[in-house]
């Protein structure tokens, strides 16, 4: 399920870039993107208040980009590197 989350984020950003390049005027497209970001940050704020991480909300877009770049490397390394068995 976590892989589907990352895949949907990649599709959203990829389609956003494609629509900005192909469609004019871009006001509606940019508005939908900003609305998604605001809703996502609101959800992060509500959940971070529950766990006591108040400063995480402003950095969440940066963390999301890092996760989208880092996660494919993590998946590939788990496929390549032999799994260690714990006793």
N, C-alpha and C. Protein backbone atom coordinates (compact mmCIF):
# COMPACT_ATOMS: atom_id res chain seq x y z
N UNK A 1 0.82 -1.20 0.00
CA UNK A 1 0.00 0.00 0.00
C UNK A 1 0.87 1.26 0.00
N UNK A 2 2.01 1.22 0.69
CA UNK A 2 2.88 2.40 0.70
C UNK A 2 3.45 2.68 -0.68
N UNK A 3 3.68 1.63 -1.45
CA UNK A 3 4.15 1.82 -2.82
C UNK A 3 3.11 2.52 -3.68
N UNK A 4 1.84 2.23 -3.44
CA UNK A 4 0.78 2.90 -4.18
C UNK A 4 0.70 4.38 -3.82
N UNK A 5 0.98 4.71 -2.58
CA UNK A 5 1.00 6.12 -2.18
C UNK A 5 2.06 6.88 -2.96
N UNK A 6 3.25 6.32 -3.01
CA UNK A 6 4.33 6.99 -3.74
C UNK A 6 4.02 7.06 -5.23
N UNK A 7 3.45 6.00 -5.77
CA UNK A 7 3.10 5.99 -7.18
C UNK A 7 2.05 7.05 -7.50
N UNK A 8 1.06 7.20 -6.64
CA UNK A 8 0.03 8.22 -6.88
C UNK A 8 0.62 9.62 -6.77
N UNK A 9 1.56 9.83 -5.86
CA UNK A 9 2.22 11.13 -5.75
C UNK A 9 3.03 11.43 -7.01
N UNK A 10 3.75 10.44 -7.50
CA UNK A 10 4.52 10.65 -8.73
C UNK A 10 3.62 10.95 -9.92
N UNK A 11 2.49 10.22 -10.04
CA UNK A 11 1.55 10.50 -11.11
C UNK A 11 0.98 11.91 -10.98
N UNK A 12 0.64 12.30 -9.77
CA UNK A 12 0.06 13.63 -9.56
C UNK A 12 1.03 14.72 -9.98
N UNK A 13 2.28 14.62 -9.54
CA UNK A 13 3.27 15.64 -9.87
C UNK A 13 3.61 15.60 -11.37
N UNK A 14 3.74 14.40 -11.92
CA UNK A 14 4.03 14.28 -13.35
C UNK A 14 2.92 14.85 -14.22
N UNK A 15 1.67 14.54 -13.87
CA UNK A 15 0.55 15.08 -14.63
C UNK A 15 0.40 16.57 -14.42
N UNK A 16 0.73 17.05 -13.22
CA UNK A 16 0.70 18.50 -12.98
C UNK A 16 1.68 19.21 -13.91
N UNK A 17 2.90 18.71 -13.99
CA UNK A 17 3.91 19.34 -14.86
C UNK A 17 3.46 19.27 -16.32
N UNK A 18 2.93 18.13 -16.74
CA UNK A 18 2.46 17.98 -18.12
C UNK A 18 1.33 18.97 -18.43
N UNK A 19 0.37 19.11 -17.50
CA UNK A 19 -0.73 20.04 -17.73
C UNK A 19 -0.28 21.50 -17.75
N UNK A 20 0.68 21.83 -16.90
CA UNK A 20 1.19 23.21 -16.90
C UNK A 20 1.88 23.53 -18.23
N UNK A 21 2.55 22.53 -18.79
CA UNK A 21 3.23 22.75 -20.07
C UNK A 21 2.24 22.82 -21.23
N UNK A 22 1.22 21.97 -21.21
CA UNK A 22 0.32 21.83 -22.37
C UNK A 22 -0.89 22.75 -22.35
N UNK A 23 -1.44 23.07 -21.18
CA UNK A 23 -2.72 23.76 -21.11
C UNK A 23 -2.52 25.22 -20.72
N UNK A 24 -3.23 26.09 -21.39
CA UNK A 24 -3.25 27.51 -21.02
C UNK A 24 -4.68 27.93 -20.84
N UNK A 25 -5.06 28.73 -19.94
CA UNK A 25 -4.36 29.27 -18.79
C UNK A 25 -4.21 28.21 -17.69
N UNK A 26 -3.23 28.42 -16.87
CA UNK A 26 -2.88 27.41 -15.87
C UNK A 26 -3.44 27.73 -14.49
N UNK A 27 -4.29 28.73 -14.38
CA UNK A 27 -4.80 29.15 -13.07
C UNK A 27 -5.52 28.02 -12.34
N UNK A 28 -6.38 27.30 -13.04
CA UNK A 28 -7.13 26.21 -12.41
C UNK A 28 -6.21 25.07 -12.00
N UNK A 29 -5.25 24.75 -12.84
CA UNK A 29 -4.33 23.65 -12.55
C UNK A 29 -3.47 23.97 -11.33
N UNK A 30 -2.93 25.17 -11.30
CA UNK A 30 -2.12 25.58 -10.15
C UNK A 30 -2.98 25.68 -8.90
N UNK A 31 -4.22 26.12 -9.04
CA UNK A 31 -5.13 26.20 -7.91
C UNK A 31 -5.41 24.83 -7.30
N UNK A 32 -5.62 23.83 -8.14
CA UNK A 32 -5.86 22.47 -7.64
C UNK A 32 -4.60 21.95 -6.94
N UNK A 33 -3.43 22.23 -7.49
CA UNK A 33 -2.18 21.79 -6.86
C UNK A 33 -2.00 22.46 -5.49
N UNK A 34 -2.27 23.75 -5.41
CA UNK A 34 -2.15 24.46 -4.13
C UNK A 34 -3.18 23.95 -3.15
N UNK A 35 -4.40 23.67 -3.60
CA UNK A 35 -5.43 23.12 -2.73
C UNK A 35 -5.01 21.77 -2.16
N UNK A 36 -4.43 20.93 -2.99
CA UNK A 36 -3.94 19.63 -2.52
C UNK A 36 -2.86 19.82 -1.46
N UNK A 37 -1.94 20.72 -1.71
CA UNK A 37 -0.86 20.97 -0.75
C UNK A 37 -1.41 21.52 0.57
N UNK A 38 -2.38 22.42 0.50
CA UNK A 38 -2.97 22.97 1.72
C UNK A 38 -3.72 21.91 2.52
N UNK A 39 -4.48 21.06 1.84
CA UNK A 39 -5.20 20.00 2.53
C UNK A 39 -4.22 19.02 3.16
N UNK A 40 -3.17 18.69 2.44
CA UNK A 40 -2.16 17.78 2.97
C UNK A 40 -1.46 18.38 4.19
N UNK A 41 -1.14 19.67 4.14
CA UNK A 41 -0.48 20.30 5.28
C UNK A 41 -1.43 20.41 6.47
N UNK A 42 -2.72 20.60 6.22
CA UNK A 42 -3.70 20.62 7.30
C UNK A 42 -3.77 19.26 7.99
N UNK A 43 -3.79 18.21 7.19
CA UNK A 43 -3.81 16.85 7.76
C UNK A 43 -2.52 16.60 8.54
N UNK A 44 -1.37 17.01 8.00
CA UNK A 44 -0.12 16.86 8.73
C UNK A 44 -0.13 17.65 10.03
N UNK A 45 -0.70 18.85 10.01
CA UNK A 45 -0.75 19.67 11.22
C UNK A 45 -1.61 19.02 12.29
N UNK A 46 -2.77 18.51 11.89
CA UNK A 46 -3.65 17.87 12.86
C UNK A 46 -3.01 16.62 13.45
N UNK A 47 -2.34 15.84 12.62
CA UNK A 47 -1.70 14.63 13.13
C UNK A 47 -0.44 14.95 13.93
N UNK A 48 0.30 15.98 13.54
CA UNK A 48 1.51 16.32 14.30
C UNK A 48 1.16 16.93 15.65
N UNK A 49 0.03 17.60 15.75
CA UNK A 49 -0.39 18.10 17.06
C UNK A 49 -0.66 16.96 18.02
N UNK A 50 -1.16 15.86 17.51
CA UNK A 50 -1.45 14.71 18.37
C UNK A 50 -0.18 14.03 18.86
N UNK A 51 0.88 14.05 18.04
CA UNK A 51 2.12 13.39 18.46
C UNK A 51 3.17 14.35 18.99
N UNK A 52 2.86 15.64 19.01
CA UNK A 52 3.76 16.62 19.60
C UNK A 52 4.87 17.09 18.69
N UNK A 53 4.75 16.96 17.39
CA UNK A 53 5.77 17.41 16.45
C UNK A 53 5.35 18.68 15.76
N UNK A 54 5.32 19.78 16.46
CA UNK A 54 4.76 21.02 15.93
C UNK A 54 5.59 21.62 14.78
N UNK A 55 6.89 21.41 14.78
CA UNK A 55 7.72 22.02 13.75
C UNK A 55 7.82 21.18 12.48
N UNK A 56 7.19 20.03 12.44
CA UNK A 56 7.29 19.16 11.27
C UNK A 56 6.41 19.61 10.11
N UNK A 57 5.40 20.41 10.38
CA UNK A 57 4.43 20.77 9.35
C UNK A 57 5.08 21.60 8.24
N UNK A 58 5.89 22.56 8.61
CA UNK A 58 6.51 23.43 7.59
C UNK A 58 7.51 22.68 6.73
N UNK A 59 8.13 21.66 7.28
CA UNK A 59 9.12 20.90 6.53
C UNK A 59 8.52 19.71 5.78
N UNK A 60 7.24 19.46 5.94
CA UNK A 60 6.62 18.27 5.33
C UNK A 60 6.73 18.24 3.81
N UNK A 61 6.63 19.35 3.07
CA UNK A 61 6.82 19.25 1.61
C UNK A 61 8.24 18.81 1.24
N UNK A 62 9.23 19.26 2.00
CA UNK A 62 10.61 18.85 1.74
C UNK A 62 10.79 17.38 2.06
N UNK A 63 10.18 16.93 3.16
CA UNK A 63 10.25 15.51 3.52
C UNK A 63 9.56 14.64 2.47
N UNK A 64 8.48 15.14 1.91
CA UNK A 64 7.76 14.38 0.89
C UNK A 64 8.62 14.20 -0.36
N UNK A 65 9.29 15.26 -0.79
CA UNK A 65 10.18 15.17 -1.95
C UNK A 65 11.33 14.22 -1.66
N UNK A 66 11.91 14.31 -0.45
CA UNK A 66 12.98 13.41 -0.07
C UNK A 66 12.50 11.96 -0.10
N UNK A 67 11.31 11.71 0.43
CA UNK A 67 10.76 10.36 0.45
C UNK A 67 10.54 9.83 -0.97
N UNK A 68 10.06 10.69 -1.87
CA UNK A 68 9.81 10.25 -3.23
C UNK A 68 11.11 9.91 -3.96
N UNK A 69 12.19 10.58 -3.63
CA UNK A 69 13.49 10.31 -4.27
C UNK A 69 14.18 9.13 -3.60
N UNK A 70 14.11 9.06 -2.27
CA UNK A 70 14.86 8.06 -1.52
C UNK A 70 14.22 6.68 -1.56
N UNK A 71 12.90 6.60 -1.58
CA UNK A 71 12.21 5.32 -1.47
C UNK A 71 12.53 4.35 -2.61
N UNK A 72 12.62 4.76 -3.88
CA UNK A 72 12.98 3.79 -4.92
C UNK A 72 14.36 3.16 -4.70
N UNK A 73 15.31 3.95 -4.19
CA UNK A 73 16.62 3.39 -3.88
C UNK A 73 16.55 2.38 -2.75
N UNK A 74 15.72 2.65 -1.78
CA UNK A 74 15.53 1.73 -0.67
C UNK A 74 14.90 0.42 -1.14
N UNK A 75 13.92 0.50 -2.01
CA UNK A 75 13.27 -0.70 -2.55
C UNK A 75 14.26 -1.51 -3.36
N UNK A 76 15.04 -0.85 -4.21
CA UNK A 76 16.04 -1.56 -5.02
C UNK A 76 17.11 -2.21 -4.16
N UNK A 77 17.55 -1.52 -3.12
CA UNK A 77 18.58 -2.12 -2.26
C UNK A 77 18.03 -3.32 -1.50
N UNK A 78 16.76 -3.29 -1.13
CA UNK A 78 16.16 -4.45 -0.48
C UNK A 78 16.01 -5.63 -1.42
N UNK A 79 15.87 -5.38 -2.71
CA UNK A 79 15.80 -6.46 -3.68
C UNK A 79 17.17 -7.06 -3.97
N UNK A 80 18.20 -6.23 -3.94
CA UNK A 80 19.55 -6.66 -4.30
C UNK A 80 20.29 -7.28 -3.11
N UNK A 81 20.26 -6.63 -1.99
CA UNK A 81 21.04 -7.06 -0.82
C UNK A 81 20.34 -8.23 -0.15
N UNK A 82 21.17 -9.24 0.22
CA UNK A 82 20.64 -10.44 0.87
C UNK A 82 20.07 -10.08 2.24
N UNK A 83 18.90 -10.60 2.53
CA UNK A 83 18.25 -10.31 3.79
C UNK A 83 18.92 -11.06 4.93
N UNK A 84 19.10 -10.38 6.04
CA UNK A 84 19.72 -10.97 7.22
C UNK A 84 18.65 -11.63 8.07
N UNK A 85 18.91 -12.85 8.48
CA UNK A 85 17.98 -13.55 9.37
C UNK A 85 18.37 -13.29 10.80
N UNK A 86 17.41 -12.91 11.60
CA UNK A 86 17.64 -12.66 13.01
C UNK A 86 17.39 -13.95 13.79
N UNK A 87 18.22 -14.17 14.76
CA UNK A 87 18.09 -15.37 15.60
C UNK A 87 17.07 -15.18 16.68
